[in-house]
Protein backbone atom coordinates (compact mmCIF):
# COMPACT_ATOMS: atom_id res chain seq x y z
CA MET A 1 -22.71 -20.90 36.17
CA SER A 2 -22.77 -17.10 34.01
CA ILE A 3 -23.85 -13.78 36.68
CA LYS A 4 -26.44 -13.59 33.65
CA LYS A 5 -27.93 -17.46 34.70
CA GLN A 6 -27.33 -17.56 38.12
CA TYR A 7 -29.54 -14.64 38.35
CA ILE A 8 -32.47 -16.29 36.16
CA PHE A 9 -31.77 -18.94 38.37
CA TYR A 10 -32.58 -17.18 41.75
CA PHE A 11 -35.31 -15.62 39.77
CA PHE A 12 -37.66 -18.17 39.54
CA ILE A 13 -36.44 -19.92 42.98
CA CYS A 14 -37.75 -16.87 44.87
CA LEU A 15 -40.84 -16.04 42.24
CA PRO A 16 -43.19 -17.41 44.30
CA ALA A 17 -42.57 -15.41 47.21
CA LEU A 18 -42.28 -12.09 45.36
CA ALA A 19 -45.46 -12.75 42.86
CA GLN A 20 -47.86 -10.26 44.62
CA THR A 21 -44.81 -7.25 44.25
CA LEU A 22 -43.64 -7.54 40.97
CA PHE A 23 -44.83 -5.20 38.46
CA GLY A 24 -43.48 -4.19 35.21
CA GLN A 25 -44.32 -1.53 32.14
CA ASP A 26 -44.20 -0.87 28.17
CA PRO A 27 -40.18 0.72 27.66
CA ILE A 28 -40.88 4.78 28.48
CA TYR A 29 -38.95 7.38 25.97
CA THR A 30 -37.91 10.26 27.78
CA GLN A 31 -38.34 12.76 24.91
CA PHE A 32 -41.54 11.85 24.29
CA SER A 33 -42.40 14.25 21.50
CA ASN A 34 -39.77 12.40 19.74
CA THR A 35 -41.98 9.09 19.50
CA PRO A 36 -46.07 10.54 19.69
CA LEU A 37 -47.15 7.93 17.81
CA TYR A 38 -46.24 5.41 20.18
CA TYR A 39 -48.29 7.21 22.98
CA ASN A 40 -51.55 8.43 21.53
CA PRO A 41 -52.66 7.35 17.52
CA ALA A 42 -54.70 10.18 17.26
CA PHE A 43 -51.19 12.45 16.59
CA THR A 44 -51.20 10.53 13.46
CA GLY A 45 -51.39 13.18 10.81
CA PHE A 46 -51.31 15.79 13.10
CA SER A 47 -48.92 18.47 11.27
CA ASN A 48 -49.04 18.35 7.45
CA GLY A 49 -46.74 16.53 5.44
CA LEU A 50 -44.94 13.41 5.66
CA HIS A 51 -43.12 12.62 9.15
CA ILE A 52 -40.67 10.00 9.88
CA ARG A 53 -39.17 8.95 13.25
CA PHE A 54 -36.64 6.89 14.42
CA SER A 55 -35.36 6.74 18.41
CA THR A 56 -32.78 3.99 20.17
CA ARG A 57 -32.81 3.88 23.43
CA ASN A 58 -30.28 2.42 25.46
CA GLN A 59 -31.41 1.54 29.34
CA GLY A 60 -28.70 0.93 31.86
CA PRO A 61 -25.63 0.25 29.77
CA ALA A 62 -23.17 -0.05 32.54
CA LEU A 63 -25.76 -3.18 34.04
CA ALA A 64 -25.10 -6.82 33.27
CA THR A 65 -28.38 -6.57 30.70
CA THR A 66 -28.75 -4.34 29.26
CA LEU A 67 -32.12 -2.77 27.90
CA ARG A 68 -32.96 -1.61 24.19
CA SER A 69 -35.86 -0.50 22.83
CA TYR A 70 -36.20 0.97 18.82
CA TYR A 71 -39.15 2.99 17.39
CA LEU A 72 -39.83 3.80 14.02
CA SER A 73 -42.77 5.71 12.57
CA ALA A 74 -44.03 7.41 9.83
CA ASP A 75 -47.08 9.40 9.21
CA ILE A 76 -48.60 11.39 6.69
CA ALA A 77 -51.24 13.99 6.90
CA ASP A 78 -53.94 14.35 3.99
CA ARG A 79 -56.40 17.23 5.16
CA ASN A 80 -58.12 16.82 1.70
CA LEU A 81 -60.51 13.22 2.17
CA PRO A 82 -63.46 14.77 4.83
CA GLY A 83 -61.84 14.07 8.49
CA SER A 84 -58.97 13.06 7.51
CA GLY A 85 -56.09 14.01 9.96
CA GLY A 86 -53.87 11.01 8.44
CA PHE A 87 -52.10 7.62 8.61
CA GLY A 88 -49.43 6.12 9.93
CA ILE A 89 -47.32 3.35 10.46
CA ILE A 90 -45.18 2.02 13.84
CA PHE A 91 -42.62 -0.61 14.09
CA ASN A 92 -41.45 -0.95 18.09
CA THR A 93 -39.16 -3.53 19.24
CA ASP A 94 -37.69 -4.03 23.42
CA ASN A 95 -36.58 -6.64 25.24
CA GLU A 96 -37.86 -7.45 28.34
CA GLY A 97 -36.96 -8.89 32.13
CA LEU A 98 -33.16 -9.93 31.78
CA GLY A 99 -33.49 -10.05 28.28
CA PHE A 100 -34.30 -13.37 26.67
CA ILE A 101 -38.01 -12.43 26.20
CA GLN A 102 -37.60 -10.25 23.14
CA ASN A 103 -41.14 -7.71 22.00
CA TYR A 104 -41.89 -6.80 18.20
CA ASN A 105 -44.55 -4.70 17.66
CA ILE A 106 -46.04 -3.22 14.16
CA GLY A 107 -49.27 -2.00 13.47
CA VAL A 108 -51.01 1.29 11.31
CA SER A 109 -52.41 4.09 12.52
CA PHE A 110 -55.70 6.05 11.31
CA ALA A 111 -56.76 9.58 12.99
CA VAL A 112 -59.54 12.22 12.07
CA ARG A 113 -59.43 15.71 12.22
CA VAL A 114 -62.12 17.58 14.02
CA PRO A 115 -62.69 21.52 14.33
CA LEU A 116 -64.02 22.25 17.94
CA ALA A 117 -64.06 26.18 17.77
CA ASN A 118 -62.12 29.10 16.10
CA SER A 119 -58.59 27.98 16.07
CA ILE A 120 -59.36 24.83 18.29
CA VAL A 121 -59.61 21.55 16.44
CA GLY A 122 -59.26 18.00 18.14
CA GLN A 123 -58.43 14.83 16.73
CA LEU A 124 -58.98 11.15 17.41
CA GLY A 125 -56.86 8.26 16.21
CA VAL A 126 -56.85 4.63 16.86
CA LYS A 127 -54.24 1.60 15.63
CA GLY A 128 -54.09 -1.68 15.27
CA ALA A 129 -51.48 -3.38 15.75
CA TRP A 130 -49.33 -6.91 15.51
CA LEU A 131 -47.36 -7.81 18.73
CA GLN A 132 -44.79 -11.03 18.66
CA LYS A 133 -43.13 -12.26 21.66
CA HIS A 134 -39.79 -14.46 21.04
CA ILE A 135 -38.73 -16.72 24.67
CA ALA A 136 -35.17 -18.09 24.50
CA TRP A 137 -35.80 -20.85 26.70
CA ASP A 138 -32.21 -22.00 26.28
CA GLU A 139 -31.25 -19.27 28.59
CA PHE A 140 -33.50 -21.95 31.42
CA LYS A 141 -30.84 -25.05 31.07
CA MET A 142 -28.26 -24.27 33.30
CA SER A 143 -26.38 -27.19 35.36
CA GLU A 144 -27.63 -28.06 38.23
CA LEU A 145 -24.64 -29.05 40.33
CA VAL A 146 -20.72 -27.40 39.09
CA ILE A 147 -17.32 -29.06 39.61
CA GLU A 148 -14.87 -26.86 39.85
CA ARG A 149 -12.54 -29.31 38.31
CA TYR A 150 -15.09 -31.00 36.00
CA GLY A 151 -17.24 -28.82 35.51
CA ASN A 152 -20.41 -28.69 34.44
CA ILE A 153 -21.50 -32.39 34.69
CA TYR A 154 -25.32 -32.93 35.13
CA ASP A 155 -27.59 -31.72 32.67
CA SER A 156 -30.58 -29.45 33.75
CA GLY A 157 -33.99 -30.65 34.55
CA PHE A 158 -36.26 -28.77 32.76
CA ILE A 159 -38.69 -29.34 29.94
CA GLN A 160 -38.45 -26.61 27.60
CA PRO A 161 -42.32 -25.75 26.19
CA ASP A 162 -43.48 -26.05 22.60
CA ASN A 163 -44.43 -23.01 22.81
CA ASN A 164 -41.49 -20.35 22.60
CA VAL A 165 -43.32 -17.82 19.56
CA LEU A 166 -46.61 -15.89 20.62
CA ASN A 167 -48.68 -13.78 17.99
CA LEU A 168 -51.30 -11.10 19.92
CA PRO A 169 -53.01 -8.68 18.10
CA ASP A 170 -53.57 -5.44 20.04
CA PHE A 171 -55.19 -2.21 19.84
CA ALA A 172 -55.53 1.61 21.04
CA ILE A 173 -57.87 4.72 20.64
CA GLY A 174 -56.96 8.35 21.61
CA GLY A 175 -58.06 12.00 21.24
CA LEU A 176 -56.35 15.60 21.76
CA VAL A 177 -57.32 19.18 21.51
CA GLN A 178 -54.90 21.28 19.57
CA PHE A 179 -55.16 25.08 20.37
CA ILE A 180 -53.69 28.45 18.64
CA SER A 181 -54.24 31.87 20.21
CA SER A 182 -55.22 34.58 18.23
CA GLN A 183 -51.62 35.42 17.04
CA GLY A 184 -50.04 32.42 16.48
CA CYS A 185 -47.37 32.93 19.34
CA VAL A 186 -48.84 30.68 22.17
CA SER A 187 -49.66 26.91 20.56
CA GLY A 188 -50.40 23.80 22.85
CA THR A 189 -51.65 19.81 22.99
CA VAL A 190 -53.61 18.62 25.46
CA GLY A 191 -54.71 14.67 24.79
CA MET A 192 -55.56 11.25 26.38
CA ALA A 193 -54.68 7.60 25.53
CA VAL A 194 -55.63 3.85 26.12
CA ASP A 195 -53.09 0.91 25.03
CA HIS A 196 -53.69 -2.05 25.09
CA LEU A 197 -57.14 -1.90 24.99
CA PHE A 198 -58.18 -5.75 25.50
CA GLU A 199 -55.36 -6.38 27.96
CA PRO A 200 -53.85 -9.76 25.24
CA ASP A 201 -53.15 -12.98 26.93
CA GLN A 202 -49.17 -12.92 26.53
CA SER A 203 -48.50 -16.13 28.68
CA PHE A 204 -45.72 -18.61 27.30
CA LEU A 205 -47.47 -21.69 29.38
CA PRO A 206 -51.17 -22.67 28.20
CA ALA A 207 -51.83 -23.17 31.95
CA GLU A 208 -51.28 -19.86 33.23
CA LYS A 209 -52.45 -16.44 32.25
CA ALA A 210 -50.82 -13.06 31.74
CA PRO A 211 -53.11 -10.39 30.62
CA LEU A 212 -50.52 -7.76 28.90
CA PRO A 213 -51.67 -4.69 31.67
CA ARG A 214 -53.96 -1.53 29.61
CA LYS A 215 -51.85 1.35 30.13
CA TRP A 216 -53.61 5.12 30.39
CA ILE A 217 -51.30 8.14 29.21
CA GLY A 218 -52.42 11.52 29.55
CA HIS A 219 -49.89 14.18 27.99
CA ALA A 220 -49.93 18.12 27.71
CA ASP A 221 -47.50 20.40 25.99
CA MET A 222 -47.36 24.65 25.54
CA ILE A 223 -45.30 26.35 22.64
CA TRP A 224 -44.42 29.81 23.28
CA ALA A 225 -42.27 32.28 20.97
CA VAL A 226 -41.05 35.02 22.59
CA ASN A 227 -40.51 38.42 21.43
CA CYS A 228 -43.31 37.42 18.90
CA ARG A 229 -44.99 39.92 17.33
CA SER A 230 -47.74 37.78 15.00
CA GLY A 231 -48.04 35.68 11.77
CA THR A 232 -46.69 32.13 11.40
CA VAL A 233 -43.53 31.20 13.76
CA ALA A 234 -43.24 27.42 14.40
CA ALA A 235 -41.55 27.18 11.23
CA ASN A 236 -39.05 30.60 11.90
CA ASP A 237 -35.70 29.31 13.58
CA GLN A 238 -34.76 32.96 14.49
CA ILE A 239 -37.45 33.45 17.12
CA MET A 240 -36.61 31.86 20.68
CA LYS A 241 -39.21 28.92 21.61
CA ILE A 242 -39.98 27.56 25.05
CA ASN A 243 -41.91 24.58 24.86
CA PRO A 244 -42.47 23.35 28.66
CA ALA A 245 -45.00 19.95 28.64
CA ILE A 246 -45.74 17.01 31.28
CA ILE A 247 -46.57 13.48 30.57
CA PHE A 248 -48.09 10.40 32.52
CA GLN A 249 -48.69 7.19 32.64
CA TYR A 250 -50.32 4.17 34.61
CA GLN A 251 -49.89 1.01 33.87
CA HIS A 252 -50.26 -2.07 36.32
CA GLY A 253 -49.58 -0.55 39.53
CA LEU A 254 -47.39 1.81 38.54
CA ASP A 255 -47.47 5.91 37.69
CA ALA A 256 -44.68 7.39 35.62
CA ILE A 257 -44.23 11.12 34.97
CA ILE A 258 -42.22 13.37 32.79
CA ALA A 259 -42.07 16.81 33.17
CA GLY A 260 -39.82 19.47 31.83
CA LEU A 261 -38.79 21.95 28.72
CA ASN A 262 -37.13 22.37 25.47
CA ALA A 263 -35.90 25.11 23.86
CA THR A 264 -34.75 25.86 20.90
CA ARG A 265 -32.98 28.93 18.53
CA TYR A 266 -31.09 28.85 15.54
CA GLY A 267 -31.93 24.93 14.79
CA LEU A 268 -29.99 24.52 18.12
CA TYR A 269 -32.02 22.21 20.86
CA LEU A 270 -31.56 22.03 24.66
CA GLY A 271 -34.29 20.37 27.21
CA LEU A 272 -34.00 19.82 31.18
CA TRP A 273 -36.69 16.64 32.08
CA TYR A 274 -38.07 15.14 35.26
CA LYS A 275 -38.74 11.29 35.37
CA GLY A 276 -40.22 9.85 38.42
CA LEU A 277 -41.59 6.48 39.03
CA PHE A 278 -44.03 5.28 41.21
CA GLY A 279 -44.83 2.10 42.56
CA THR A 280 -43.04 -0.61 45.06
CA HIS A 281 -40.09 0.86 44.56
CA THR A 282 -39.87 4.66 43.54
CA THR A 283 -36.63 5.73 41.32
CA ALA A 284 -36.59 9.22 39.79
CA SER A 285 -34.15 10.39 37.18
CA ILE A 286 -32.71 13.88 35.39
CA ALA A 287 -32.40 14.04 32.42
CA LEU A 288 -30.12 16.98 29.80
CA MET A 289 -31.79 16.70 25.72
CA GLY A 290 -29.36 18.78 22.91
CA GLY A 291 -30.04 18.82 19.37
CA TYR A 292 -30.06 20.69 15.86
CA ARG A 293 -32.62 20.90 13.45
CA TYR A 294 -31.39 22.09 9.48
CA ALA A 295 -33.98 23.11 7.10
CA PHE A 296 -32.88 22.42 3.55
CA ALA A 297 -35.86 24.01 2.12
CA ALA A 298 -38.94 26.04 3.17
CA ASN A 299 -40.56 22.52 3.54
CA MET A 300 -37.96 20.20 4.27
CA SER A 301 -36.04 19.22 7.17
CA ILE A 302 -34.19 16.50 9.35
CA LYS A 303 -33.45 17.22 13.23
CA PHE A 304 -31.40 15.11 15.47
CA THR A 305 -31.39 15.35 19.28
CA TYR A 306 -29.92 12.98 22.16
CA CYS A 307 -30.63 12.49 25.32
CA TYR A 308 -29.17 11.24 28.23
CA ASP A 309 -31.19 10.19 31.97
CA LYS A 310 -29.26 10.44 34.89
CA GLN A 311 -31.03 8.16 37.64
CA ILE A 312 -30.98 10.76 41.17
CA ALA A 313 -33.18 8.13 43.57
CA GLY A 314 -33.98 4.98 43.82
CA ILE A 315 -32.64 1.35 43.61
CA PRO A 316 -29.59 1.30 42.52
CA SER A 317 -29.07 4.98 43.32
CA GLY A 318 -26.77 6.58 40.68
CA SER A 319 -25.70 3.37 39.12
CA VAL A 320 -28.25 3.51 35.92
CA GLY A 321 -27.83 5.68 33.20
CA ALA A 322 -29.56 5.99 29.89
CA HIS A 323 -28.63 6.82 26.09
CA GLU A 324 -31.61 8.17 23.71
CA ILE A 325 -31.00 8.83 20.24
CA SER A 326 -33.40 10.07 18.19
CA LEU A 327 -33.67 11.45 14.02
CA MET A 328 -36.68 13.11 12.50
CA LEU A 329 -37.53 13.88 9.09
CA GLU A 330 -40.08 16.43 7.76
CA PHE A 331 -41.55 16.79 4.65
CA GLY A 332 -44.12 19.82 4.49
CA ASN A 333 -45.61 19.60 1.27
CA VAL A 334 -46.24 15.90 0.74
CA ARG A 335 -49.68 14.91 -0.01
CA LEU A 336 -51.83 11.05 -0.71
CA PHE A 337 -53.91 13.09 -2.73
CA LYS A 338 -54.06 16.09 -5.20
CA GLY A 339 -57.20 18.64 -3.44
CA SER A 340 -58.73 19.65 -6.34
CA GLY A 341 -61.15 22.96 -6.46
CA ARG A 342 -61.67 24.27 -3.33
CA SER A 343 -59.73 22.35 -0.86
CA LEU A 344 -61.33 20.22 1.56
CA HIS A 345 -58.74 20.66 4.85
CA ARG A 346 -59.45 24.64 4.61
CA LEU A 347 -63.26 23.77 5.48
CA MET A 348 -62.61 21.56 8.31
CA THR A 349 -59.66 23.60 9.71
CA PRO A 350 -59.90 26.54 11.89
CA LYS A 351 -58.26 29.60 10.78
CA GLY A 352 -54.38 29.80 11.97
CA ILE A 353 -53.68 26.07 13.14
CA GLU A 354 -52.16 24.40 10.36
CA SER A 355 -50.17 26.85 9.12
CA ASP A 356 -48.52 27.08 13.25
CA ALA A 357 -48.50 23.44 13.45
CA PRO A 358 -48.27 23.31 16.79
CA GLY A 359 -47.00 20.42 19.41
CA VAL A 360 -44.56 17.36 18.51
CA THR A 361 -43.45 19.74 15.41
CA PHE A 362 -41.41 21.41 17.90
């Protein structure tokens, strides 16, 4: 019997005794500013132009079963439509448990943009997605008797259910408030979102119910341009900028918090983060981030970051790490529709907000 199948066997033998304490959450990306639509659909069209983002996370590469997540999104802002923040598409895939369940999630998002005051604007977003889950029932077919000389001589009595693929609709809503100082030197974002709004049933067994727990998210960040005098600073790589941020996630009795800051100058990025998971078993990690942004032109750039998480507390302490790689392409002059006459986005946007583009564009 393989080590992996041994773990599965013991897991299901012990499951009745542990049923009251087994919990789980969706994958968590440490550099959440690189996966904004994953956390809040209100980030759709948050900044002018087209933004394409890719992230991959390898959780626990030293473990027998590695947990991997992949994220891809593209969103475009179009201020020439009344009230429009933008349109986006999102794809995410991950494996869970001991790796024998694979999830695929693809969705579309839309956001509307509402001016609230001078240099303050709000966005409301919705996401509609299709969730597909695959389970490998073959992983449960194991020998019930192993003889060293002859090997496996009895087949498993496990009867495989007919259903090994689930297709579920899934929805999310969110909102945020974006602000910028009069000189454009300080900007930031505060928001919240709810994912798995209607808690779709993800059970593979018709006689059982397994609702996908609703996920609550709150986040805030600020960008401070050091030694800033006035004017546009977000696209100026010569100015040092510091970006503290925090995100909180609650799902199925588990709390997750990520807090830290990134700093950038001359296109170089450095960051230090803390991540804590609180529930039946508490864990804590420290993450280091480094990256580089290269501008091909005034409205075109590519950004690459690498983040390593090191667990410092919890079980198993010191033995679990994670690698997270992100790539982002920005095209600032791309729009779906050309404005005719007086641009509607100038009527819908407070002065200064659009030129600085704070928040996730950091």
